[in-house]
Amino acid sequence: MPDELYADSISAITITGSVVRIDFVSMGPAADDPNQQPKAVFRQRVVMPVEGFVQSFGTMARVMQQLEQKGLVRRGEAPGKEVEVVATPAAKSSSPNFKPK
């Protein structure tokens, strides 16, 4: 099985010349916060050529359309809230990162 990485989101996308860098983050406890409130922690960076990024963007757009058709996400109209994730029961995950409570 290939290596997998779990990320809660993308924190930054930077372009330098013909190279795109995508930084992934996961939420983790802040060591300097007395209340241990979660904060975004850098996990990994993907570096790819602009052509690969453009192709990936097209793939993600198709997946977004599928998620909308299935009712799993809705596009919001409030500023700063472009997509709303609809809570639905998830199928059993085969990810080694998933640990049921």
N, C-alpha and C. Protein backbone atom coordinates (compact mmCIF):
# COMPACT_ATOMS: atom_id res chain seq x y z
N MET A 1 0.84 -1.18 0.00
CA MET A 1 0.00 0.00 0.00
C MET A 1 0.89 1.24 0.00
N PRO A 2 0.54 2.24 -0.83
CA PRO A 2 1.36 3.45 -0.86
C PRO A 2 1.20 4.27 0.41
N ASP A 3 2.19 5.11 0.69
CA ASP A 3 2.11 5.98 1.85
C ASP A 3 0.95 6.94 1.71
N GLU A 4 0.31 7.27 2.82
CA GLU A 4 -0.78 8.22 2.83
C GLU A 4 -0.47 9.32 3.82
N LEU A 5 -1.02 10.48 3.57
CA LEU A 5 -0.88 11.62 4.46
C LEU A 5 -2.26 12.18 4.70
N TYR A 6 -2.63 12.39 5.97
CA TYR A 6 -3.88 13.05 6.28
C TYR A 6 -3.61 14.53 6.47
N ALA A 7 -4.44 15.37 5.88
CA ALA A 7 -4.36 16.81 6.07
C ALA A 7 -5.76 17.36 6.23
N ASP A 8 -5.92 18.33 7.14
CA ASP A 8 -7.21 18.98 7.31
C ASP A 8 -7.46 20.01 6.22
N SER A 9 -6.39 20.61 5.71
CA SER A 9 -6.57 21.61 4.66
C SER A 9 -5.23 22.00 4.04
N ILE A 10 -5.34 22.88 3.07
CA ILE A 10 -4.16 23.48 2.43
C ILE A 10 -3.98 24.85 3.08
N SER A 11 -2.78 25.13 3.55
CA SER A 11 -2.54 26.43 4.20
C SER A 11 -2.01 27.47 3.23
N ALA A 12 -1.30 27.05 2.19
CA ALA A 12 -0.73 28.02 1.27
C ALA A 12 -0.42 27.35 -0.07
N ILE A 13 -0.55 28.14 -1.12
CA ILE A 13 -0.12 27.73 -2.45
C ILE A 13 0.74 28.86 -2.97
N THR A 14 2.00 28.56 -3.29
CA THR A 14 2.90 29.59 -3.80
C THR A 14 3.41 29.17 -5.17
N ILE A 15 3.67 30.17 -6.00
CA ILE A 15 4.18 29.92 -7.35
C ILE A 15 5.50 30.64 -7.48
N THR A 16 6.52 29.89 -7.89
CA THR A 16 7.84 30.46 -8.15
C THR A 16 8.25 29.99 -9.54
N GLY A 17 8.26 30.92 -10.47
CA GLY A 17 8.57 30.55 -11.85
C GLY A 17 7.53 29.59 -12.38
N SER A 18 7.96 28.40 -12.78
CA SER A 18 7.03 27.40 -13.33
C SER A 18 6.75 26.27 -12.34
N VAL A 19 6.96 26.56 -11.03
CA VAL A 19 6.77 25.54 -10.00
C VAL A 19 5.72 26.02 -8.99
N VAL A 20 4.79 25.11 -8.64
CA VAL A 20 3.75 25.39 -7.65
C VAL A 20 4.04 24.57 -6.41
N ARG A 21 3.98 25.22 -5.26
CA ARG A 21 4.18 24.55 -3.98
C ARG A 21 2.88 24.61 -3.18
N ILE A 22 2.41 23.45 -2.71
CA ILE A 22 1.16 23.37 -1.96
C ILE A 22 1.49 22.85 -0.56
N ASP A 23 1.19 23.64 0.46
CA ASP A 23 1.46 23.26 1.85
C ASP A 23 0.20 22.71 2.50
N PHE A 24 0.30 21.52 3.08
CA PHE A 24 -0.81 20.87 3.76
C PHE A 24 -0.63 20.98 5.27
N VAL A 25 -1.75 21.19 5.99
CA VAL A 25 -1.73 21.29 7.44
C VAL A 25 -2.77 20.38 8.06
N SER A 26 -2.52 20.03 9.31
CA SER A 26 -3.50 19.31 10.14
C SER A 26 -3.66 20.08 11.43
N MET A 27 -4.81 19.93 12.04
CA MET A 27 -5.05 20.63 13.31
C MET A 27 -4.42 19.84 14.44
N GLY A 28 -3.68 20.55 15.28
CA GLY A 28 -3.01 19.92 16.41
C GLY A 28 -2.97 20.87 17.59
N PRO A 29 -2.70 20.37 18.80
CA PRO A 29 -2.66 21.24 19.97
C PRO A 29 -1.49 22.21 19.89
N ALA A 30 -1.73 23.44 20.32
CA ALA A 30 -0.68 24.45 20.34
C ALA A 30 0.08 24.33 21.66
N ALA A 31 1.37 24.08 21.60
CA ALA A 31 2.18 23.89 22.80
C ALA A 31 2.22 25.15 23.67
N ASP A 32 2.13 26.32 23.05
CA ASP A 32 2.22 27.57 23.80
C ASP A 32 0.87 28.11 24.24
N ASP A 33 -0.21 27.37 23.98
CA ASP A 33 -1.54 27.81 24.37
C ASP A 33 -1.96 27.07 25.64
N PRO A 34 -2.22 27.80 26.73
CA PRO A 34 -2.58 27.14 27.99
C PRO A 34 -3.87 26.33 27.90
N ASN A 35 -4.76 26.69 26.98
CA ASN A 35 -6.01 25.95 26.81
C ASN A 35 -5.90 24.83 25.79
N GLN A 36 -4.71 24.67 25.20
CA GLN A 36 -4.45 23.64 24.21
C GLN A 36 -5.43 23.69 23.05
N GLN A 37 -5.79 24.90 22.64
CA GLN A 37 -6.67 25.06 21.48
C GLN A 37 -5.92 24.61 20.23
N PRO A 38 -6.59 23.88 19.34
CA PRO A 38 -5.91 23.39 18.15
C PRO A 38 -5.51 24.53 17.21
N LYS A 39 -4.41 24.32 16.52
CA LYS A 39 -3.98 25.26 15.50
C LYS A 39 -3.42 24.47 14.34
N ALA A 40 -3.32 25.11 13.20
CA ALA A 40 -2.82 24.45 11.99
C ALA A 40 -1.33 24.17 12.14
N VAL A 41 -0.95 22.90 11.89
CA VAL A 41 0.44 22.47 11.97
C VAL A 41 0.87 21.96 10.60
N PHE A 42 1.98 22.49 10.08
CA PHE A 42 2.48 22.07 8.78
C PHE A 42 2.75 20.57 8.77
N ARG A 43 2.31 19.89 7.71
CA ARG A 43 2.53 18.44 7.59
C ARG A 43 3.42 18.08 6.42
N GLN A 44 3.12 18.61 5.25
CA GLN A 44 3.90 18.23 4.07
C GLN A 44 3.68 19.24 2.96
N ARG A 45 4.65 19.31 2.04
CA ARG A 45 4.56 20.20 0.88
C ARG A 45 4.64 19.34 -0.38
N VAL A 46 3.74 19.65 -1.32
CA VAL A 46 3.78 19.01 -2.64
C VAL A 46 4.30 20.07 -3.61
N VAL A 47 5.30 19.69 -4.41
CA VAL A 47 5.88 20.59 -5.40
C VAL A 47 5.62 19.99 -6.77
N MET A 48 5.05 20.79 -7.68
CA MET A 48 4.73 20.27 -9.01
C MET A 48 4.84 21.38 -10.05
N PRO A 49 4.97 21.00 -11.32
CA PRO A 49 5.01 22.03 -12.36
C PRO A 49 3.62 22.65 -12.53
N VAL A 50 3.58 23.86 -13.07
CA VAL A 50 2.31 24.55 -13.28
C VAL A 50 1.35 23.68 -14.08
N GLU A 51 1.85 22.99 -15.10
CA GLU A 51 0.99 22.14 -15.93
C GLU A 51 0.30 21.06 -15.09
N GLY A 52 1.03 20.47 -14.16
CA GLY A 52 0.45 19.45 -13.28
C GLY A 52 -0.59 20.05 -12.35
N PHE A 53 -0.34 21.26 -11.87
CA PHE A 53 -1.29 21.94 -11.00
C PHE A 53 -2.58 22.22 -11.74
N VAL A 54 -2.48 22.71 -12.98
CA VAL A 54 -3.66 23.01 -13.78
C VAL A 54 -4.48 21.75 -14.02
N GLN A 55 -3.81 20.65 -14.33
CA GLN A 55 -4.50 19.38 -14.54
C GLN A 55 -5.18 18.93 -13.24
N SER A 56 -4.50 19.07 -12.11
CA SER A 56 -5.06 18.70 -10.81
C SER A 56 -6.28 19.55 -10.47
N PHE A 57 -6.23 20.83 -10.82
CA PHE A 57 -7.35 21.72 -10.56
C PHE A 57 -8.59 21.24 -11.31
N GLY A 58 -8.42 20.81 -12.55
CA GLY A 58 -9.53 20.28 -13.32
C GLY A 58 -10.12 19.03 -12.67
N THR A 59 -9.26 18.17 -12.16
CA THR A 59 -9.71 16.95 -11.48
C THR A 59 -10.50 17.31 -10.23
N MET A 60 -10.00 18.26 -9.43
CA MET A 60 -10.69 18.67 -8.22
C MET A 60 -12.04 19.32 -8.53
N ALA A 61 -12.12 20.07 -9.62
CA ALA A 61 -13.39 20.70 -10.01
C ALA A 61 -14.43 19.62 -10.32
N ARG A 62 -14.02 18.56 -11.01
CA ARG A 62 -14.95 17.46 -11.31
C ARG A 62 -15.40 16.76 -10.03
N VAL A 63 -14.50 16.57 -9.08
CA VAL A 63 -14.87 15.94 -7.81
C VAL A 63 -15.83 16.84 -7.04
N MET A 64 -15.62 18.16 -7.06
CA MET A 64 -16.54 19.09 -6.39
C MET A 64 -17.94 18.97 -6.98
N GLN A 65 -18.05 18.86 -8.29
CA GLN A 65 -19.36 18.70 -8.93
C GLN A 65 -20.03 17.42 -8.45
N GLN A 66 -19.27 16.35 -8.34
CA GLN A 66 -19.82 15.08 -7.86
C GLN A 66 -20.29 15.20 -6.41
N LEU A 67 -19.51 15.88 -5.56
CA LEU A 67 -19.89 16.06 -4.16
C LEU A 67 -21.16 16.89 -4.05
N GLU A 68 -21.28 17.91 -4.89
CA GLU A 68 -22.50 18.73 -4.89
C GLU A 68 -23.70 17.91 -5.34
N GLN A 69 -23.54 17.12 -6.39
CA GLN A 69 -24.64 16.29 -6.90
C GLN A 69 -25.11 15.28 -5.85
N LYS A 70 -24.19 14.78 -5.06
CA LYS A 70 -24.54 13.81 -4.01
C LYS A 70 -25.07 14.50 -2.75
N GLY A 71 -25.02 15.82 -2.71
CA GLY A 71 -25.52 16.56 -1.56
C GLY A 71 -24.56 16.59 -0.39
N LEU A 72 -23.31 16.27 -0.61
CA LEU A 72 -22.33 16.26 0.47
C LEU A 72 -21.76 17.64 0.76
N VAL A 73 -21.78 18.53 -0.23
CA VAL A 73 -21.35 19.92 -0.03
C VAL A 73 -22.35 20.84 -0.74
N ARG A 74 -22.44 22.07 -0.22
CA ARG A 74 -23.27 23.10 -0.84
C ARG A 74 -22.43 24.36 -0.95
N ARG A 75 -22.60 25.05 -2.05
CA ARG A 75 -21.93 26.35 -2.18
C ARG A 75 -22.72 27.38 -1.40
N GLY A 76 -22.03 28.09 -0.51
CA GLY A 76 -22.68 29.10 0.32
C GLY A 76 -22.71 30.44 -0.38
N GLU A 77 -23.50 31.36 0.15
CA GLU A 77 -23.57 32.69 -0.42
C GLU A 77 -22.99 33.73 0.51
N ALA A 78 -22.64 33.34 1.73
CA ALA A 78 -22.06 34.29 2.68
C ALA A 78 -20.61 34.56 2.31
N PRO A 79 -20.16 35.82 2.43
CA PRO A 79 -18.75 36.12 2.13
C PRO A 79 -17.81 35.31 3.01
N GLY A 80 -16.78 34.76 2.41
CA GLY A 80 -15.80 34.00 3.15
C GLY A 80 -16.21 32.56 3.41
N LYS A 81 -17.41 32.19 3.00
CA LYS A 81 -17.86 30.81 3.21
C LYS A 81 -18.34 30.27 1.87
N GLU A 82 -17.42 29.75 1.10
CA GLU A 82 -17.74 29.34 -0.26
C GLU A 82 -18.36 27.95 -0.31
N VAL A 83 -17.97 27.06 0.59
CA VAL A 83 -18.47 25.69 0.55
C VAL A 83 -18.88 25.28 1.95
N GLU A 84 -20.02 24.66 2.07
CA GLU A 84 -20.48 24.12 3.34
C GLU A 84 -20.48 22.61 3.23
N VAL A 85 -19.85 21.94 4.18
CA VAL A 85 -19.83 20.49 4.19
C VAL A 85 -21.06 20.01 4.95
N VAL A 86 -21.81 19.12 4.33
CA VAL A 86 -23.02 18.59 4.94
C VAL A 86 -22.66 17.32 5.69
N ALA A 87 -22.99 17.25 6.96
CA ALA A 87 -22.67 16.07 7.77
C ALA A 87 -23.56 14.91 7.36
N THR A 88 -22.93 13.85 6.92
CA THR A 88 -23.64 12.62 6.58
C THR A 88 -22.85 11.45 7.14
N PRO A 89 -23.51 10.34 7.43
CA PRO A 89 -22.76 9.19 7.92
C PRO A 89 -21.72 8.76 6.89
N ALA A 90 -20.50 8.60 7.35
CA ALA A 90 -19.41 8.20 6.45
C ALA A 90 -19.32 6.69 6.37
N ALA A 91 -18.86 6.24 5.22
CA ALA A 91 -18.62 4.82 5.06
C ALA A 91 -17.41 4.44 5.92
N LYS A 92 -17.28 3.18 6.25
CA LYS A 92 -16.14 2.73 7.04
C LYS A 92 -14.85 3.07 6.30
N SER A 93 -13.95 3.72 7.00
CA SER A 93 -12.70 4.16 6.40
C SER A 93 -11.67 3.04 6.44
N SER A 94 -10.94 2.92 5.34
CA SER A 94 -9.85 1.94 5.32
C SER A 94 -8.51 2.62 5.57
N SER A 95 -8.56 3.92 5.90
CA SER A 95 -7.34 4.66 6.15
C SER A 95 -6.70 4.22 7.46
N PRO A 96 -5.36 4.05 7.48
CA PRO A 96 -4.70 3.70 8.72
C PRO A 96 -4.72 4.87 9.71
N ASN A 97 -5.09 6.08 9.24
CA ASN A 97 -5.17 7.24 10.11
C ASN A 97 -6.47 7.31 10.87
N PHE A 98 -7.47 6.51 10.46
CA PHE A 98 -8.78 6.54 11.11
C PHE A 98 -8.78 5.60 12.29
N LYS A 99 -9.12 6.17 13.45
CA LYS A 99 -9.20 5.36 14.66
C LYS A 99 -10.55 5.64 15.30
N PRO A 100 -11.48 4.69 15.27
CA PRO A 100 -12.80 4.94 15.86
C PRO A 100 -12.69 5.18 17.35
N LYS A 101 -13.62 5.98 17.88
CA LYS A 101 -13.61 6.30 19.30
C LYS A 101 -14.37 5.26 20.07
